[in-house]
Amino acid sequence: MDESLDLKFAALADPTRRAILARLARGEASVSDIAAPFAMSQPAISKHLRILERAGFIETGRAAQSRPRRLKREAIAEPAQWLALIGGDWDAKFDRLADHLARGDKQ
């Protein structure tokens, strides 16, 4: 799990790859469609796609002659679960802090 998690967080560390994932969250797309909004070469976009695929975030389909990429939504669960595990229940912690501060102000 640790190596997989490392690959996922390394992939998410780059803003271009996060933007690609956001695009693919709307539906599958060809490499040229994915590359369109970026000021970089198609080989550079392909490198980002390989990193996302290695991390398990996307997969390549086959539609006639094209090879559209699509998001693997279940892959988002692993980093989300890890963050929830280490973060705990932040709402409850902030509520306790607010209560503590409110009591401190009254003394």
Protein backbone atom coordinates (compact mmCIF):
# COMPACT_ATOMS: atom_id res chain seq x y z
CA MET A 1 0.00 0.00 0.00
CA ASP A 2 2.82 2.45 0.80
CA GLU A 3 4.39 2.31 -2.67
CA SER A 4 1.00 2.73 -4.30
CA LEU A 5 0.24 5.67 -2.02
CA ASP A 6 3.65 7.21 -2.81
CA LEU A 7 2.93 6.97 -6.54
CA LYS A 8 -0.50 8.53 -6.09
CA PHE A 9 0.71 11.49 -4.02
CA ALA A 10 3.68 12.05 -6.36
CA ALA A 11 1.25 12.12 -9.29
CA LEU A 12 -1.05 14.54 -7.45
CA ALA A 13 1.84 16.86 -6.59
CA ASP A 14 1.90 18.32 -10.10
CA PRO A 15 -0.72 20.96 -11.02
CA THR A 16 -0.84 19.84 -14.66
CA ARG A 17 -1.68 16.29 -13.61
CA ARG A 18 -4.35 17.54 -11.21
CA ALA A 19 -5.86 19.58 -14.05
CA ILE A 20 -5.82 16.49 -16.28
CA LEU A 21 -7.64 14.51 -13.59
CA ALA A 22 -10.19 17.31 -13.24
CA ARG A 23 -10.76 17.18 -17.02
CA LEU A 24 -11.14 13.41 -16.99
CA ALA A 25 -13.61 13.66 -14.10
CA ARG A 26 -16.01 15.13 -16.70
CA GLY A 27 -15.59 12.12 -19.00
CA GLU A 28 -13.10 10.27 -21.14
CA ALA A 29 -10.99 12.21 -23.62
CA SER A 30 -8.37 11.72 -26.30
CA VAL A 31 -4.79 12.85 -25.76
CA SER A 32 -5.30 15.77 -28.14
CA ASP A 33 -8.43 16.87 -26.22
CA ILE A 34 -6.51 16.61 -22.95
CA ALA A 35 -3.54 18.54 -24.36
CA ALA A 36 -5.62 21.37 -25.88
CA PRO A 37 -5.74 23.76 -22.89
CA PHE A 38 -2.05 23.36 -22.01
CA ALA A 39 0.88 25.28 -23.46
CA MET A 40 3.05 22.19 -23.80
CA SER A 41 3.81 19.56 -26.39
CA GLN A 42 1.76 16.43 -26.83
CA PRO A 43 4.78 14.27 -25.78
CA ALA A 44 4.92 16.23 -22.51
CA ILE A 45 1.20 15.59 -21.94
CA SER A 46 1.76 11.92 -22.76
CA LYS A 47 4.44 11.78 -20.07
CA HIS A 48 1.97 13.19 -17.53
CA LEU A 49 -0.59 10.61 -18.67
CA ARG A 50 1.90 7.76 -18.19
CA ILE A 51 2.59 8.95 -14.63
CA LEU A 52 -1.15 9.12 -13.89
CA GLU A 53 -1.64 5.66 -15.38
CA ARG A 54 1.28 4.19 -13.38
CA ALA A 55 -0.26 5.70 -10.23
CA GLY A 56 -3.53 3.97 -11.09
CA PHE A 57 -5.61 7.13 -11.59
CA ILE A 58 -6.41 6.64 -15.27
CA GLU A 59 -6.76 3.89 -17.82
CA THR A 60 -6.56 3.76 -21.58
CA GLY A 61 -9.55 2.55 -23.54
CA ARG A 62 -9.93 1.49 -27.14
CA ALA A 63 -12.49 3.06 -29.43
CA ALA A 64 -11.81 2.17 -33.05
CA GLN A 65 -8.50 3.89 -33.83
CA SER A 66 -8.44 6.20 -30.82
CA ARG A 67 -7.20 5.43 -27.32
CA PRO A 68 -9.24 7.63 -24.99
CA ARG A 69 -8.16 8.06 -21.39
CA ARG A 70 -10.63 7.79 -18.53
CA LEU A 71 -10.51 8.38 -14.81
CA LYS A 72 -10.53 5.39 -12.48
CA ARG A 73 -12.63 6.90 -9.70
CA GLU A 74 -11.90 4.08 -7.27
CA ALA A 75 -8.21 5.07 -7.31
CA ILE A 76 -9.05 8.33 -5.54
CA ALA A 77 -10.21 6.34 -2.49
CA GLU A 78 -6.75 5.27 -1.30
CA PRO A 79 -5.24 8.75 -0.76
CA ALA A 80 -8.58 10.01 0.58
CA GLN A 81 -8.71 7.18 3.15
CA TRP A 82 -5.13 7.85 4.21
CA LEU A 83 -5.84 11.56 4.66
CA ALA A 84 -8.95 10.77 6.69
CA LEU A 85 -6.95 8.35 8.84
CA ILE A 86 -4.23 10.82 9.72
CA GLY A 87 -6.52 13.82 9.81
CA GLY A 88 -9.13 12.27 12.03
CA ASP A 89 -12.33 14.13 12.52
CA TRP A 90 -11.24 17.74 11.98
CA ASP A 91 -14.74 19.13 12.45
CA ALA A 92 -14.95 17.60 15.92
CA LYS A 93 -11.48 18.90 16.79
CA PHE A 94 -12.34 22.42 15.67
CA ASP A 95 -15.64 22.28 17.58
CA ARG A 96 -13.77 21.29 20.76
CA LEU A 97 -11.27 24.10 20.18
CA ALA A 98 -14.09 26.61 19.69
CA ASP A 99 -15.76 25.40 22.91
CA HIS A 100 -12.48 25.67 24.80
CA LEU A 101 -11.83 29.17 23.50
CA ALA A 102 -15.40 30.24 24.31
CA ARG A 103 -15.04 29.02 27.90
CA GLY A 104 -11.67 30.73 28.20
CA ASP A 105 -13.12 34.07 27.12
CA LYS A 106 -15.75 33.94 29.88
CA GLN A 107 -13.26 33.47 32.72
